């Protein structure tokens, strides 16, 4: 069983920076990790993914503004969001993939953290 705790959301001004964190607890090996965003009235969509060996993938709308990182020994993932835009205003969710104790591929979601970009 894995639980996720997200932190770092809040209010930022356009052009500003926020860093979100996602800490996974549970005695298991975390494989893929990702951040999603869900804006009001819109579908949840992936923002960035990172593999266990550190390969990162970003949605087109990120436009080189965000950096996703992970610390495997601590089962923690971060996303550094620079040059924030009002369109980045969303609830951000952490998602991780792992193999459960009964050897099944399993996905776990965090509770979400709200990012508001406004002047």
N, C-alpha and C. Protein backbone atom coordinates (compact mmCIF):
# COMPACT_ATOMS: atom_id res chain seq x y z
N UNK A 1 0.85 -1.19 0.00
CA UNK A 1 0.00 0.00 0.00
C UNK A 1 0.88 1.24 0.00
N UNK A 2 0.59 2.14 -0.92
CA UNK A 2 1.34 3.39 -1.06
C UNK A 2 0.39 4.54 -0.82
N UNK A 3 0.83 5.51 -0.06
CA UNK A 3 0.09 6.76 0.09
C UNK A 3 0.98 7.91 -0.35
N UNK A 4 0.34 8.93 -0.89
CA UNK A 4 1.07 10.07 -1.43
C UNK A 4 0.67 11.34 -0.68
N UNK A 5 1.67 12.16 -0.41
CA UNK A 5 1.42 13.45 0.22
C UNK A 5 2.04 14.52 -0.65
N UNK A 6 1.21 15.44 -1.13
CA UNK A 6 1.67 16.52 -1.98
C UNK A 6 1.76 17.80 -1.17
N UNK A 7 2.66 18.66 -1.60
CA UNK A 7 2.79 19.97 -0.96
C UNK A 7 3.38 20.96 -1.94
N UNK A 8 3.29 22.23 -1.59
CA UNK A 8 3.93 23.26 -2.38
C UNK A 8 3.02 24.13 -3.20
N UNK A 9 1.75 23.82 -3.23
CA UNK A 9 0.83 24.66 -3.99
C UNK A 9 0.62 26.00 -3.32
N UNK A 10 -0.02 26.90 -4.03
CA UNK A 10 -0.28 28.22 -3.48
C UNK A 10 -0.50 29.23 -4.57
N UNK A 11 -0.33 30.48 -4.18
CA UNK A 11 -0.54 31.60 -5.10
C UNK A 11 0.80 32.09 -5.62
N UNK A 12 0.87 32.29 -6.93
CA UNK A 12 2.07 32.85 -7.55
C UNK A 12 1.66 33.91 -8.54
N UNK A 13 2.54 34.84 -8.76
CA UNK A 13 2.27 35.87 -9.76
C UNK A 13 2.69 35.37 -11.14
N UNK A 14 2.10 35.88 -12.19
CA UNK A 14 2.56 35.52 -13.54
C UNK A 14 4.06 35.78 -13.67
N UNK A 15 4.75 34.80 -14.25
CA UNK A 15 6.19 34.89 -14.36
C UNK A 15 6.94 34.34 -13.17
N UNK A 16 6.21 33.97 -12.13
CA UNK A 16 6.83 33.49 -10.91
C UNK A 16 7.15 32.01 -10.94
N UNK A 17 7.56 31.50 -9.76
CA UNK A 17 7.98 30.11 -9.62
C UNK A 17 7.29 29.47 -8.42
N UNK A 18 6.93 28.21 -8.62
CA UNK A 18 6.47 27.35 -7.53
C UNK A 18 7.12 26.00 -7.68
N UNK A 19 7.36 25.34 -6.55
CA UNK A 19 7.87 23.98 -6.57
C UNK A 19 6.90 23.09 -5.80
N UNK A 20 6.45 22.04 -6.46
CA UNK A 20 5.55 21.07 -5.84
C UNK A 20 6.35 19.83 -5.47
N UNK A 21 5.94 19.20 -4.38
CA UNK A 21 6.58 17.97 -3.93
C UNK A 21 5.54 16.88 -3.77
N UNK A 22 5.97 15.64 -3.97
CA UNK A 22 5.11 14.47 -3.77
C UNK A 22 5.95 13.40 -3.09
N UNK A 23 5.56 13.05 -1.88
CA UNK A 23 6.29 12.03 -1.13
C UNK A 23 5.45 10.77 -1.04
N UNK A 24 6.03 9.65 -1.44
CA UNK A 24 5.34 8.37 -1.42
C UNK A 24 5.81 7.56 -0.23
N UNK A 25 4.87 7.08 0.55
CA UNK A 25 5.21 6.22 1.68
C UNK A 25 4.76 4.80 1.36
N UNK A 26 5.41 3.83 2.00
CA UNK A 26 5.10 2.44 1.71
C UNK A 26 6.35 1.71 1.32
N UNK A 27 6.46 0.49 1.75
CA UNK A 27 7.66 -0.30 1.51
C UNK A 27 7.56 -0.99 0.15
N UNK A 28 7.79 -0.17 -0.89
CA UNK A 28 7.72 -0.72 -2.23
C UNK A 28 8.60 0.09 -3.17
N UNK A 29 8.85 -0.45 -4.33
CA UNK A 29 9.64 0.26 -5.33
C UNK A 29 8.70 1.04 -6.24
N UNK A 30 8.93 2.33 -6.29
CA UNK A 30 8.12 3.19 -7.15
C UNK A 30 8.73 3.20 -8.54
N UNK A 31 7.93 2.93 -9.54
CA UNK A 31 8.41 2.97 -10.92
C UNK A 31 8.16 4.35 -11.51
N UNK A 32 7.23 4.49 -12.45
CA UNK A 32 6.98 5.79 -13.05
C UNK A 32 6.28 6.73 -12.09
N UNK A 33 6.57 8.02 -12.24
CA UNK A 33 5.92 9.06 -11.45
C UNK A 33 5.50 10.17 -12.41
N UNK A 34 4.45 10.86 -12.07
CA UNK A 34 3.96 11.90 -12.99
C UNK A 34 3.19 12.96 -12.22
N UNK A 35 3.10 14.12 -12.83
CA UNK A 35 2.23 15.20 -12.37
C UNK A 35 1.14 15.42 -13.41
N UNK A 36 -0.07 15.59 -12.92
CA UNK A 36 -1.22 15.93 -13.75
C UNK A 36 -1.79 17.25 -13.26
N UNK A 37 -2.53 17.90 -14.13
CA UNK A 37 -3.28 19.09 -13.73
C UNK A 37 -4.73 18.94 -14.15
N UNK A 38 -5.58 19.54 -13.34
CA UNK A 38 -7.02 19.53 -13.65
C UNK A 38 -7.53 20.93 -13.37
N UNK A 39 -7.78 21.67 -14.45
CA UNK A 39 -8.31 23.01 -14.32
C UNK A 39 -9.83 22.96 -14.23
N UNK A 40 -10.45 23.96 -13.64
CA UNK A 40 -11.92 23.97 -13.52
C UNK A 40 -12.59 23.78 -14.87
N UNK A 41 -13.48 22.81 -14.94
CA UNK A 41 -14.21 22.56 -16.17
C UNK A 41 -13.45 21.83 -17.25
N UNK A 42 -12.23 21.39 -16.94
CA UNK A 42 -11.42 20.70 -17.94
C UNK A 42 -11.04 19.31 -17.46
N UNK A 43 -10.62 18.47 -18.42
CA UNK A 43 -10.20 17.13 -18.08
C UNK A 43 -8.82 17.14 -17.45
N UNK A 44 -8.57 16.15 -16.61
CA UNK A 44 -7.24 16.00 -16.04
C UNK A 44 -6.27 15.62 -17.16
N UNK A 45 -5.12 16.25 -17.18
CA UNK A 45 -4.15 15.96 -18.22
C UNK A 45 -2.74 15.89 -17.62
N UNK A 46 -1.89 15.12 -18.29
CA UNK A 46 -0.54 14.97 -17.79
C UNK A 46 0.25 16.24 -18.05
N UNK A 47 1.09 16.58 -17.09
CA UNK A 47 1.99 17.72 -17.22
C UNK A 47 3.40 17.23 -17.53
N UNK A 48 3.84 16.25 -16.76
CA UNK A 48 5.19 15.71 -16.93
C UNK A 48 5.26 14.33 -16.30
N UNK A 49 6.15 13.50 -16.86
CA UNK A 49 6.39 12.15 -16.33
C UNK A 49 7.88 11.97 -16.15
N UNK A 50 8.23 11.10 -15.22
CA UNK A 50 9.65 10.76 -15.05
C UNK A 50 9.75 9.28 -14.73
N UNK A 51 10.66 8.60 -15.42
CA UNK A 51 10.87 7.18 -15.19
C UNK A 51 11.78 6.98 -13.97
N UNK A 52 11.90 5.75 -13.56
CA UNK A 52 12.73 5.47 -12.38
C UNK A 52 14.19 5.84 -12.65
N UNK A 53 14.63 5.69 -13.91
CA UNK A 53 16.01 6.04 -14.21
C UNK A 53 16.18 7.50 -14.63
N UNK A 54 15.14 8.30 -14.43
CA UNK A 54 15.29 9.75 -14.57
C UNK A 54 14.95 10.34 -15.92
N UNK A 55 14.42 9.55 -16.83
CA UNK A 55 14.03 10.12 -18.12
C UNK A 55 12.73 10.91 -17.94
N UNK A 56 12.75 12.14 -18.42
CA UNK A 56 11.62 13.04 -18.22
C UNK A 56 10.91 13.33 -19.54
N UNK A 57 9.60 13.45 -19.45
CA UNK A 57 8.77 13.76 -20.61
C UNK A 57 7.80 14.85 -20.19
N UNK A 58 7.56 15.80 -21.08
CA UNK A 58 6.72 16.95 -20.76
C UNK A 58 5.62 17.12 -21.80
N UNK A 59 4.48 17.62 -21.35
CA UNK A 59 3.42 18.00 -22.27
C UNK A 59 3.87 19.21 -23.08
N UNK A 60 3.33 19.33 -24.27
CA UNK A 60 3.73 20.42 -25.15
C UNK A 60 3.51 21.79 -24.52
N UNK A 61 2.44 21.94 -23.76
CA UNK A 61 2.12 23.27 -23.23
C UNK A 61 3.11 23.72 -22.16
N UNK A 62 3.95 22.80 -21.67
CA UNK A 62 4.94 23.19 -20.67
C UNK A 62 5.99 24.12 -21.27
N UNK A 63 6.36 23.88 -22.52
CA UNK A 63 7.25 24.79 -23.26
C UNK A 63 8.55 25.09 -22.51
N UNK A 64 9.17 24.05 -21.96
CA UNK A 64 10.46 24.18 -21.28
C UNK A 64 10.41 25.04 -20.02
N UNK A 65 9.25 25.26 -19.45
CA UNK A 65 9.13 26.08 -18.24
C UNK A 65 9.24 25.28 -16.96
N UNK A 66 8.95 23.98 -17.03
CA UNK A 66 8.91 23.15 -15.84
C UNK A 66 10.04 22.12 -15.87
N UNK A 67 10.46 21.70 -14.68
CA UNK A 67 11.47 20.64 -14.55
C UNK A 67 10.96 19.62 -13.55
N UNK A 68 10.90 18.36 -13.95
CA UNK A 68 10.48 17.28 -13.07
C UNK A 68 11.71 16.53 -12.60
N UNK A 69 11.74 16.23 -11.30
CA UNK A 69 12.88 15.55 -10.69
C UNK A 69 12.36 14.50 -9.73
N UNK A 70 13.23 13.55 -9.37
CA UNK A 70 12.84 12.57 -8.35
C UNK A 70 14.06 12.18 -7.53
N UNK A 71 13.77 11.76 -6.32
CA UNK A 71 14.78 11.26 -5.39
C UNK A 71 14.35 9.84 -5.04
N UNK A 72 14.95 8.87 -5.68
CA UNK A 72 14.50 7.48 -5.49
C UNK A 72 14.65 6.98 -4.05
N UNK A 73 15.79 7.19 -3.40
CA UNK A 73 15.89 6.69 -2.00
C UNK A 73 14.80 7.24 -1.09
N UNK A 74 14.33 8.45 -1.38
CA UNK A 74 13.30 9.06 -0.54
C UNK A 74 11.90 8.92 -1.13
N UNK A 75 11.80 8.24 -2.29
CA UNK A 75 10.50 8.08 -2.96
C UNK A 75 9.77 9.42 -3.08
N UNK A 76 10.49 10.41 -3.51
CA UNK A 76 9.93 11.75 -3.60
C UNK A 76 10.12 12.30 -5.01
N UNK A 77 9.13 13.04 -5.46
CA UNK A 77 9.16 13.67 -6.77
C UNK A 77 8.90 15.16 -6.61
N UNK A 78 9.50 15.93 -7.48
CA UNK A 78 9.32 17.38 -7.45
C UNK A 78 9.00 17.87 -8.85
N UNK A 79 8.36 19.01 -8.93
CA UNK A 79 8.27 19.72 -10.19
C UNK A 79 8.51 21.20 -9.91
N UNK A 80 9.48 21.75 -10.59
CA UNK A 80 9.81 23.17 -10.46
C UNK A 80 9.13 23.87 -11.63
N UNK A 81 8.24 24.76 -11.29
CA UNK A 81 7.45 25.44 -12.32
C UNK A 81 7.88 26.90 -12.39
N UNK A 82 8.51 27.26 -13.48
CA UNK A 82 8.97 28.63 -13.71
C UNK A 82 8.10 29.30 -14.76
N UNK A 83 8.25 30.62 -14.84
CA UNK A 83 7.52 31.41 -15.85
C UNK A 83 6.04 31.05 -15.86
N UNK A 84 5.47 31.02 -14.68
CA UNK A 84 4.08 30.61 -14.55
C UNK A 84 3.15 31.57 -15.28
N UNK A 85 2.09 30.98 -15.82
CA UNK A 85 1.07 31.73 -16.54
C UNK A 85 -0.27 31.54 -15.85
N UNK A 86 -1.20 32.47 -16.03
CA UNK A 86 -2.54 32.26 -15.46
C UNK A 86 -3.17 30.94 -15.91
N UNK A 87 -2.86 30.49 -17.13
CA UNK A 87 -3.40 29.22 -17.62
C UNK A 87 -2.87 28.02 -16.85
N UNK A 88 -1.82 28.19 -16.07
CA UNK A 88 -1.31 27.09 -15.25
C UNK A 88 -2.14 26.87 -13.98
N UNK A 89 -3.07 27.76 -13.73
CA UNK A 89 -3.94 27.63 -12.56
C UNK A 89 -4.73 26.34 -12.64
N UNK A 90 -4.53 25.47 -11.67
CA UNK A 90 -5.13 24.14 -11.69
C UNK A 90 -4.94 23.49 -10.33
N UNK A 91 -5.61 22.38 -10.15
CA UNK A 91 -5.23 21.45 -9.09
C UNK A 91 -4.23 20.48 -9.70
N UNK A 92 -3.10 20.30 -9.03
CA UNK A 92 -2.04 19.42 -9.52
C UNK A 92 -2.04 18.13 -8.70
N UNK A 93 -2.02 17.02 -9.40
CA UNK A 93 -2.06 15.71 -8.78
C UNK A 93 -0.78 14.94 -9.08
N UNK A 94 -0.31 14.28 -8.09
CA UNK A 94 0.82 13.36 -8.22
C UNK A 94 0.27 11.97 -8.50
N UNK A 95 0.94 11.26 -9.40
CA UNK A 95 0.54 9.88 -9.73
C UNK A 95 1.79 9.02 -9.74
N UNK A 96 1.73 7.86 -9.10
CA UNK A 96 2.86 6.94 -9.13
C UNK A 96 2.40 5.55 -9.53
N UNK A 97 3.33 4.80 -10.07
CA UNK A 97 3.09 3.44 -10.50
C UNK A 97 4.03 2.52 -9.73
N UNK A 98 3.50 1.40 -9.26
CA UNK A 98 4.33 0.46 -8.52
C UNK A 98 3.73 -0.93 -8.66
N UNK A 99 4.48 -1.91 -8.21
CA UNK A 99 4.00 -3.29 -8.20
C UNK A 99 3.51 -3.60 -6.79
N UNK A 100 2.26 -4.01 -6.68
CA UNK A 100 1.67 -4.27 -5.37
C UNK A 100 2.24 -5.56 -4.78
N UNK A 101 1.88 -5.79 -3.54
CA UNK A 101 2.38 -6.97 -2.83
C UNK A 101 1.92 -8.27 -3.49
N UNK A 102 0.81 -8.22 -4.21
CA UNK A 102 0.37 -9.41 -4.96
C UNK A 102 0.79 -9.34 -6.42
N UNK A 103 1.84 -8.56 -6.66
CA UNK A 103 2.51 -8.52 -7.97
C UNK A 103 1.64 -7.94 -9.09
N UNK A 104 0.82 -6.98 -8.77
CA UNK A 104 -0.01 -6.35 -9.80
C UNK A 104 0.47 -4.93 -10.04
N UNK A 105 0.54 -4.51 -11.31
CA UNK A 105 0.83 -3.10 -11.58
C UNK A 105 -0.29 -2.23 -11.01
N UNK A 106 0.10 -1.23 -10.25
CA UNK A 106 -0.88 -0.43 -9.51
C UNK A 106 -0.57 1.04 -9.68
N UNK A 107 -1.61 1.84 -9.76
CA UNK A 107 -1.47 3.29 -9.86
C UNK A 107 -2.09 3.92 -8.62
N UNK A 108 -1.42 4.91 -8.09
CA UNK A 108 -1.89 5.61 -6.90
C UNK A 108 -1.86 7.11 -7.18
N UNK A 109 -2.89 7.82 -6.67
CA UNK A 109 -3.01 9.26 -6.86
C UNK A 109 -2.91 10.00 -5.53
N UNK A 110 -2.33 11.18 -5.59
CA UNK A 110 -2.33 12.06 -4.44
C UNK A 110 -3.66 12.80 -4.32
N UNK A 111 -3.77 13.59 -3.26
CA UNK A 111 -5.03 14.28 -2.99
C UNK A 111 -5.17 15.58 -3.76
N UNK A 112 -4.08 16.03 -4.37
CA UNK A 112 -4.11 17.26 -5.15
C UNK A 112 -3.66 18.46 -4.34
N UNK A 113 -2.99 19.37 -5.02
CA UNK A 113 -2.58 20.64 -4.41
C UNK A 113 -2.91 21.74 -5.42
N UNK A 114 -3.46 22.82 -4.92
CA UNK A 114 -3.97 23.88 -5.79
C UNK A 114 -2.90 24.93 -6.09
N UNK A 115 -2.76 25.23 -7.36
CA UNK A 115 -1.87 26.29 -7.82
C UNK A 115 -2.72 27.38 -8.47
N UNK A 116 -2.54 28.59 -8.00
CA UNK A 116 -3.25 29.74 -8.58
C UNK A 116 -2.22 30.75 -9.05
N UNK A 117 -2.31 31.11 -10.31
CA UNK A 117 -1.40 32.09 -10.88
C UNK A 117 -2.20 33.34 -11.21
N UNK A 118 -1.92 34.38 -10.47
CA UNK A 118 -2.71 35.60 -10.62
C UNK A 118 -1.94 36.79 -10.08
N UNK A 119 -2.15 37.94 -10.67
CA UNK A 119 -1.55 39.16 -10.17
C UNK A 119 -2.49 39.86 -9.21
